[in-house]
Amino acid sequence: MSIYKNFIQNSDGNFKSVFLLFIFLIILIIFFSFKLYYDINFLTREDFPHKEIAIKIEIGTSASNILQLLEKEKIIASSKTAFLYLNFFKDPKKIQAGEYFFRGEAETIKSVINRIVTGDLRLETKKILVYEGEANFEIGEEISKFLENFDENIFLDLAKDKEGYLFPDTYLVSPEIYTQDLLSLFEKNFQDKTFFLKKQAESLGKNWEEIIVKASLIEKEANGSDIEIKKEISGVIENRLAKNMHLQIDAVFSYIYQRHLPKIYFIHLEVDNPYNTYKYKGLPPSPIGNPGIDSIEAAIFPNETDNFFYLTGSDGKFYFAETGGEHFENLEKI
């Protein structure tokens, strides 16, 4: 009987201990929840320098490194708290690269995080568009119209070995950005966006430089068509290379002459230039423009096809053919 009483008493004691522990944990959770809420919504650096400062977030920088930089520069009070808020309530992958401007007033963690995930630079920005397939000379000519510190000649000189490796995209940049910084932004974006495609190409034993050359041809030839057309063009290029045929790609001539050629004439076909795919077999020595993701993917994964010819009709459609005879029939149809 005494054993039973002791068991009951011990059980009551254990229950009270567990209950008290549970209450303590609830209070602790409530306390830290309120503290986290306060830190996110109201906490600012007391020793904020009260000066204007620009913080540059590079493409590919990890979220933790970005938040540590913001804490170091006294923009946010706690990088750890900011990291929790970012991961629970936002998406770290949505952080936008760019140069963020912070005025003299202190900002809360919530407001700063909201800014970097929406790309709210608080600076006058210029939108720079690099279109798929554009060659460096076309990019330089267009950008020089918008940016004060951009030097077209310097750009072309610095980018002469980077044709094909400047990623086509929309860029929001400071109007005062310098030529070298803009070029670095294009390059870094290319490396980030094509990282896994490069790994795939290398795993298949394919030469990455040749893939980019081929992708630049596909991009120009496809003229905005979908990826299936691009893969079929890629298959035709592969077939012609395998048979040691001239590629006879018209898109190279605008690159050779460094200006847009709306129509190709026989005189163009006679130019003695290593990029002339009517005179020289194989791929050109380097890319003729900057391809997008679909064209790079098409270059890596071409269609298995029996076609050796293609042309674009006045209706914008592509006509593929296995033989020269079929190709000439297509020419007569359009």
Protein backbone atom coordinates (compact mmCIF):
# COMPACT_ATOMS: atom_id res chain seq x y z
CA MET A 1 0.00 0.00 0.00
CA SER A 2 2.82 2.36 0.87
CA ILE A 3 4.48 1.50 -2.44
CA TYR A 4 1.28 2.51 -4.28
CA LYS A 5 1.09 5.80 -2.34
CA ASN A 6 4.73 6.51 -3.15
CA PHE A 7 4.03 5.79 -6.82
CA ILE A 8 1.04 8.16 -6.82
CA GLN A 9 3.04 10.83 -5.03
CA ASN A 10 5.99 10.40 -7.42
CA SER A 11 3.63 10.48 -10.40
CA ASP A 12 2.06 13.69 -9.14
CA GLY A 13 5.52 15.15 -8.65
CA ASN A 14 6.64 14.13 -12.11
CA PHE A 15 3.46 15.52 -13.65
CA LYS A 16 3.95 18.84 -11.87
CA SER A 17 7.58 18.99 -13.04
CA VAL A 18 6.66 18.23 -16.65
CA PHE A 19 3.78 20.73 -16.49
CA LEU A 20 6.04 23.44 -15.09
CA LEU A 21 8.66 22.69 -17.75
CA PHE A 22 5.98 22.88 -20.42
CA ILE A 23 4.77 26.25 -19.10
CA PHE A 24 8.35 27.49 -18.98
CA LEU A 25 8.93 26.45 -22.60
CA ILE A 26 5.72 28.17 -23.69
CA ILE A 27 6.79 31.37 -21.94
CA LEU A 28 10.24 31.07 -23.51
CA ILE A 29 8.77 30.61 -27.00
CA ILE A 30 6.43 33.57 -26.52
CA PHE A 31 9.30 35.70 -25.22
CA PHE A 32 11.60 34.89 -28.14
CA SER A 33 8.76 35.28 -30.62
CA PHE A 34 8.03 38.77 -29.34
CA LYS A 35 11.75 39.56 -29.29
CA LEU A 36 12.17 38.34 -32.87
CA TYR A 37 9.11 40.32 -33.94
CA TYR A 38 10.50 43.45 -32.26
CA ASP A 39 14.00 42.97 -33.70
CA ILE A 40 12.66 42.49 -37.22
CA ASN A 41 10.16 45.33 -37.20
CA PHE A 42 11.64 47.96 -34.88
CA LEU A 43 15.30 47.29 -34.09
CA THR A 44 17.87 49.57 -35.76
CA ARG A 45 21.56 50.21 -35.13
CA GLU A 46 21.96 52.75 -32.34
CA ASP A 47 25.41 53.62 -33.66
CA PHE A 48 24.19 54.16 -37.20
CA PRO A 49 26.74 56.45 -38.86
CA HIS A 50 24.07 58.81 -40.23
CA LYS A 51 25.75 59.10 -43.58
CA GLU A 52 24.75 58.14 -47.07
CA ILE A 53 26.31 54.90 -48.27
CA ALA A 54 26.04 52.65 -51.31
CA ILE A 55 26.30 48.89 -50.82
CA LYS A 56 27.07 46.78 -53.87
CA ILE A 57 25.58 43.28 -53.95
CA GLU A 58 27.36 41.16 -56.54
CA ILE A 59 25.63 38.42 -58.52
CA GLY A 60 26.21 35.05 -56.88
CA THR A 61 27.05 36.37 -53.40
CA SER A 62 25.57 34.16 -50.67
CA ALA A 63 22.76 35.49 -48.49
CA SER A 64 24.81 35.11 -45.30
CA ASN A 65 27.72 37.12 -46.77
CA ILE A 66 25.34 39.85 -47.91
CA LEU A 67 23.77 40.15 -44.46
CA GLN A 68 27.17 40.16 -42.74
CA LEU A 69 28.24 43.00 -45.03
CA LEU A 70 25.07 44.95 -44.18
CA GLU A 71 25.73 44.48 -40.46
CA LYS A 72 29.40 45.46 -40.85
CA GLU A 73 28.37 48.66 -42.63
CA LYS A 74 25.84 49.35 -39.85
CA ILE A 75 22.81 49.05 -42.13
CA ILE A 76 21.13 46.34 -40.02
CA ALA A 77 21.43 45.55 -36.33
CA SER A 78 21.81 41.77 -36.56
CA SER A 79 22.74 39.60 -39.52
CA LYS A 80 21.57 36.49 -37.61
CA THR A 81 18.09 37.89 -37.03
CA ALA A 82 17.98 39.08 -40.62
CA PHE A 83 18.98 35.59 -41.79
CA LEU A 84 16.06 34.05 -39.85
CA TYR A 85 13.59 36.54 -41.29
CA LEU A 86 14.92 36.08 -44.82
CA ASN A 87 14.68 32.28 -44.71
CA PHE A 88 11.32 32.00 -42.93
CA PHE A 89 9.40 34.83 -44.56
CA LYS A 90 11.21 35.56 -47.84
CA ASP A 91 13.23 33.66 -50.44
CA PRO A 92 17.04 34.09 -50.32
CA LYS A 93 17.19 33.18 -54.02
CA LYS A 94 15.21 36.33 -54.83
CA ILE A 95 17.89 38.71 -53.56
CA GLN A 96 18.60 41.13 -56.40
CA ALA A 97 22.14 42.12 -57.32
CA GLY A 98 22.86 45.81 -57.67
CA GLU A 99 24.12 48.91 -55.92
CA TYR A 100 21.82 49.82 -53.02
CA PHE A 101 21.72 53.33 -51.68
CA PHE A 102 21.09 53.93 -47.96
CA ARG A 103 20.46 57.41 -46.63
CA GLY A 104 21.34 58.76 -43.21
CA GLU A 105 18.30 57.36 -41.41
CA ALA A 106 18.41 53.94 -39.76
CA GLU A 107 16.31 51.19 -41.32
CA THR A 108 14.73 48.12 -39.75
CA ILE A 109 15.74 44.59 -40.68
CA LYS A 110 12.35 44.05 -42.31
CA SER A 111 12.62 47.11 -44.53
CA VAL A 112 16.18 46.31 -45.61
CA ILE A 113 15.34 42.67 -46.44
CA ASN A 114 12.26 43.77 -48.37
CA ARG A 115 14.43 46.12 -50.39
CA ILE A 116 17.09 43.60 -51.39
CA VAL A 117 14.57 40.93 -52.44
CA THR A 118 12.59 43.39 -54.58
CA GLY A 119 15.58 45.22 -56.02
CA ASP A 120 14.62 48.57 -54.48
CA LEU A 121 17.97 50.31 -55.04
CA ARG A 122 16.70 53.80 -54.11
CA LEU A 123 19.03 55.13 -56.76
CA GLU A 124 18.31 56.46 -60.19
CA THR A 125 18.91 53.40 -62.34
CA LYS A 126 19.25 52.68 -66.00
CA LYS A 127 17.78 49.56 -67.58
CA ILE A 128 20.29 47.92 -69.91
CA LEU A 129 18.99 45.25 -72.26
CA VAL A 130 21.37 42.76 -73.82
CA TYR A 131 19.44 40.79 -76.42
CA GLU A 132 20.07 37.15 -77.25
CA GLY A 133 22.49 36.82 -80.13
CA GLU A 134 23.83 40.37 -79.99
CA ALA A 135 27.52 40.67 -80.82
CA ASN A 136 29.79 42.79 -78.64
CA PHE A 137 29.91 45.60 -81.21
CA GLU A 138 26.10 45.80 -81.12
CA ILE A 139 26.04 45.80 -77.30
CA GLY A 140 28.67 48.54 -77.13
CA GLU A 141 26.91 50.72 -79.68
CA GLU A 142 23.58 50.50 -77.84
CA ILE A 143 24.87 51.02 -74.30
CA SER A 144 26.90 54.08 -75.26
CA LYS A 145 23.60 55.89 -75.80
CA PHE A 146 22.55 55.53 -72.16
CA LEU A 147 25.55 55.55 -69.81
CA GLU A 148 27.68 58.60 -69.13
CA ASN A 149 30.83 56.76 -67.99
CA PHE A 150 30.62 54.03 -70.61
CA ASP A 151 33.30 54.11 -73.30
CA GLU A 152 32.41 52.02 -76.34
CA ASN A 153 36.01 51.71 -77.55
CA ILE A 154 37.28 50.63 -74.13
CA PHE A 155 34.42 48.14 -73.89
CA LEU A 156 35.21 46.57 -77.26
CA ASP A 157 38.90 46.40 -76.39
CA LEU A 158 38.27 44.75 -73.01
CA ALA A 159 35.61 42.43 -74.44
CA LYS A 160 37.46 41.34 -77.58
CA ASP A 161 38.18 37.87 -76.14
CA LYS A 162 34.82 37.62 -74.37
CA GLU A 163 32.50 37.35 -77.36
CA GLY A 164 29.85 34.77 -76.53
CA TYR A 165 30.41 35.02 -72.78
CA LEU A 166 28.35 38.14 -71.96
CA PHE A 167 24.95 36.95 -70.82
CA PRO A 168 21.86 38.35 -72.58
CA ASP A 169 19.63 39.74 -69.84
CA THR A 170 18.01 42.84 -68.34
CA TYR A 171 20.36 44.76 -66.07
CA LEU A 172 19.50 47.57 -63.66
CA VAL A 173 22.64 49.63 -63.11
CA SER A 174 23.73 52.97 -61.77
CA PRO A 175 23.99 55.64 -64.47
CA GLU A 176 27.56 56.22 -63.25
CA ILE A 177 28.70 52.60 -63.63
CA TYR A 178 32.07 52.29 -65.32
CA THR A 179 32.79 50.23 -68.42
CA GLN A 180 34.89 47.59 -66.65
CA ASP A 181 32.29 47.11 -63.90
CA LEU A 182 29.49 46.64 -66.43
CA LEU A 183 31.56 44.13 -68.39
CA SER A 184 32.30 42.21 -65.19
CA LEU A 185 28.57 42.16 -64.41
CA PHE A 186 27.80 40.63 -67.82
CA GLU A 187 30.56 38.02 -67.40
CA LYS A 188 29.60 37.05 -63.86
CA ASN A 189 25.97 36.64 -64.90
CA PHE A 190 27.05 34.35 -67.76
CA GLN A 191 29.11 32.19 -65.42
CA ASP A 192 26.28 31.90 -62.90
CA LYS A 193 23.54 31.19 -65.44
CA THR A 194 25.52 28.61 -67.44
CA PHE A 195 27.33 26.83 -64.59
CA PHE A 196 25.24 23.64 -64.71
CA LEU A 197 25.07 23.57 -68.51
CA LYS A 198 28.86 23.71 -68.62
CA LYS A 199 29.03 20.79 -66.20
CA GLN A 200 26.61 18.82 -68.38
CA ALA A 201 28.61 19.54 -71.53
CA GLU A 202 31.88 18.52 -69.89
CA SER A 203 30.32 15.32 -68.50
CA LEU A 204 29.43 14.40 -72.09
CA GLY A 205 33.00 15.04 -73.21
CA LYS A 206 32.07 18.15 -75.19
CA ASN A 207 34.34 21.16 -75.56
CA TRP A 208 32.73 24.16 -73.84
CA GLU A 209 34.33 26.75 -76.12
CA GLU A 210 33.04 24.90 -79.20
CA ILE A 211 29.59 24.67 -77.63
CA ILE A 212 29.46 28.46 -77.21
CA VAL A 213 30.63 29.02 -80.81
CA LYS A 214 27.94 26.66 -82.05
CA ALA A 215 25.31 28.21 -79.76
CA SER A 216 26.13 31.67 -81.15
CA LEU A 217 25.46 30.39 -84.68
CA ILE A 218 22.21 28.74 -83.60
CA GLU A 219 21.04 31.91 -81.84
CA LYS A 220 21.54 34.05 -84.93
CA GLU A 221 20.13 31.50 -87.35
CA ALA A 222 17.06 30.63 -85.24
CA ASN A 223 16.11 34.30 -84.99
CA GLY A 224 13.98 33.99 -81.85
CA SER A 225 12.48 30.57 -82.64
CA ASP A 226 11.69 28.08 -79.90
CA ILE A 227 14.13 25.53 -78.54
CA GLU A 228 12.89 22.69 -80.75
CA ILE A 229 13.79 24.63 -83.89
CA LYS A 230 17.15 25.45 -82.30
CA LYS A 231 17.80 21.78 -81.55
CA GLU A 232 16.97 20.85 -85.15
CA ILE A 233 19.35 23.53 -86.47
CA SER A 234 21.94 22.18 -84.04
CA GLY A 235 21.38 18.69 -85.47
CA VAL A 236 21.90 20.00 -89.03
CA ILE A 237 25.16 21.70 -87.99
CA GLU A 238 26.34 18.46 -86.38
CA ASN A 239 25.53 16.47 -89.53
CA ARG A 240 27.41 18.90 -91.78
CA LEU A 241 30.42 18.93 -89.46
CA ALA A 242 30.45 15.13 -89.40
CA LYS A 243 30.47 15.02 -93.24
CA ASN A 244 33.14 17.78 -93.42
CA MET A 245 30.74 20.03 -95.33
CA HIS A 246 30.84 23.82 -95.36
CA LEU A 247 28.32 25.09 -92.81
CA GLN A 248 27.21 27.91 -95.17
CA ILE A 249 25.69 29.98 -92.38
CA ASP A 250 24.67 33.47 -93.46
CA ALA A 251 24.62 34.91 -89.93
CA VAL A 252 28.44 35.15 -89.87
CA PHE A 253 28.55 38.01 -92.37
CA SER A 254 27.13 40.68 -90.06
CA TYR A 255 29.87 39.69 -87.63
CA ILE A 256 32.56 39.75 -90.32
CA TYR A 257 31.53 43.25 -91.45
CA GLN A 258 30.70 44.42 -87.89
CA ARG A 259 27.38 45.86 -88.99
CA HIS A 260 23.89 44.58 -89.63
CA LEU A 261 23.46 43.21 -93.15
CA PRO A 262 19.74 42.91 -93.97
CA LYS A 263 20.54 40.85 -97.06
CA ILE A 264 23.48 38.68 -98.11
CA TYR A 265 24.81 39.03 -101.66
CA PHE A 266 27.30 36.91 -103.61
CA ILE A 267 29.99 39.52 -103.04
CA HIS A 268 29.69 38.87 -99.30
CA LEU A 269 30.16 35.14 -99.84
CA GLU A 270 33.53 35.77 -101.51
CA VAL A 271 35.16 37.60 -98.61
CA ASP A 272 38.34 35.87 -97.46
CA ASN A 273 37.79 35.69 -93.73
CA PRO A 274 38.17 32.73 -91.32
CA TYR A 275 34.56 33.33 -90.17
CA ASN A 276 33.25 32.84 -93.71
CA THR A 277 31.56 29.44 -93.43
CA TYR A 278 31.15 29.32 -97.22
CA LYS A 279 34.94 29.34 -97.70
CA TYR A 280 36.22 27.63 -94.55
CA LYS A 281 35.00 24.33 -93.17
CA GLY A 282 34.29 23.62 -89.52
CA LEU A 283 33.15 26.05 -86.85
CA PRO A 284 34.28 29.70 -86.91
CA PRO A 285 37.32 30.52 -84.73
CA SER A 286 35.16 32.06 -81.97
CA PRO A 287 31.51 33.00 -81.22
CA ILE A 288 29.76 35.52 -83.48
CA GLY A 289 27.45 36.78 -80.73
CA ASN A 290 26.23 36.14 -77.21
CA PRO A 291 23.81 33.21 -77.02
CA GLY A 292 21.03 32.62 -74.51
CA ILE A 293 20.28 29.53 -72.44
CA ASP A 294 18.07 27.77 -75.03
CA SER A 295 20.70 28.05 -77.76
CA ILE A 296 23.44 26.75 -75.45
CA GLU A 297 21.21 23.85 -74.43
CA ALA A 298 20.47 23.14 -78.11
CA ALA A 299 24.18 23.14 -78.89
CA ILE A 300 24.78 20.54 -76.16
CA PHE A 301 21.73 18.41 -76.97
CA PRO A 302 21.09 18.54 -80.74
CA ASN A 303 18.28 16.60 -82.35
CA GLU A 304 19.24 13.36 -84.00
CA THR A 305 18.11 14.21 -87.52
CA ASP A 306 18.67 13.18 -91.14
CA ASN A 307 18.46 16.79 -92.29
CA PHE A 308 21.45 18.61 -93.79
CA PHE A 309 19.72 21.78 -95.00
CA TYR A 310 17.32 24.44 -93.75
CA LEU A 311 15.98 27.81 -94.74
CA THR A 312 13.53 30.37 -93.43
CA GLY A 313 10.50 31.22 -95.52
CA SER A 314 8.87 34.61 -95.92
CA ASP A 315 6.21 33.25 -93.55
CA GLY A 316 8.85 32.97 -90.82
CA LYS A 317 8.70 29.16 -90.80
CA PHE A 318 11.72 26.89 -91.07
CA TYR A 319 11.94 24.36 -93.88
CA PHE A 320 14.35 21.46 -93.34
CA ALA A 321 15.60 19.02 -95.97
CA GLU A 322 17.68 15.86 -96.13
CA THR A 323 19.07 16.38 -99.64
CA GLY A 324 20.15 19.23 -101.85
CA GLY A 325 17.27 18.41 -104.20
CA GLU A 326 14.70 18.75 -101.45
CA HIS A 327 16.38 21.97 -100.34
CA PHE A 328 16.05 23.51 -103.80
CA GLU A 329 12.41 22.44 -103.91
CA ASN A 330 11.89 24.33 -100.66
CA LEU A 331 13.62 27.36 -102.17
CA GLU A 332 11.18 27.33 -105.07
CA LYS A 333 8.18 27.10 -102.73
CA ILE A 334 8.93 30.21 -100.68
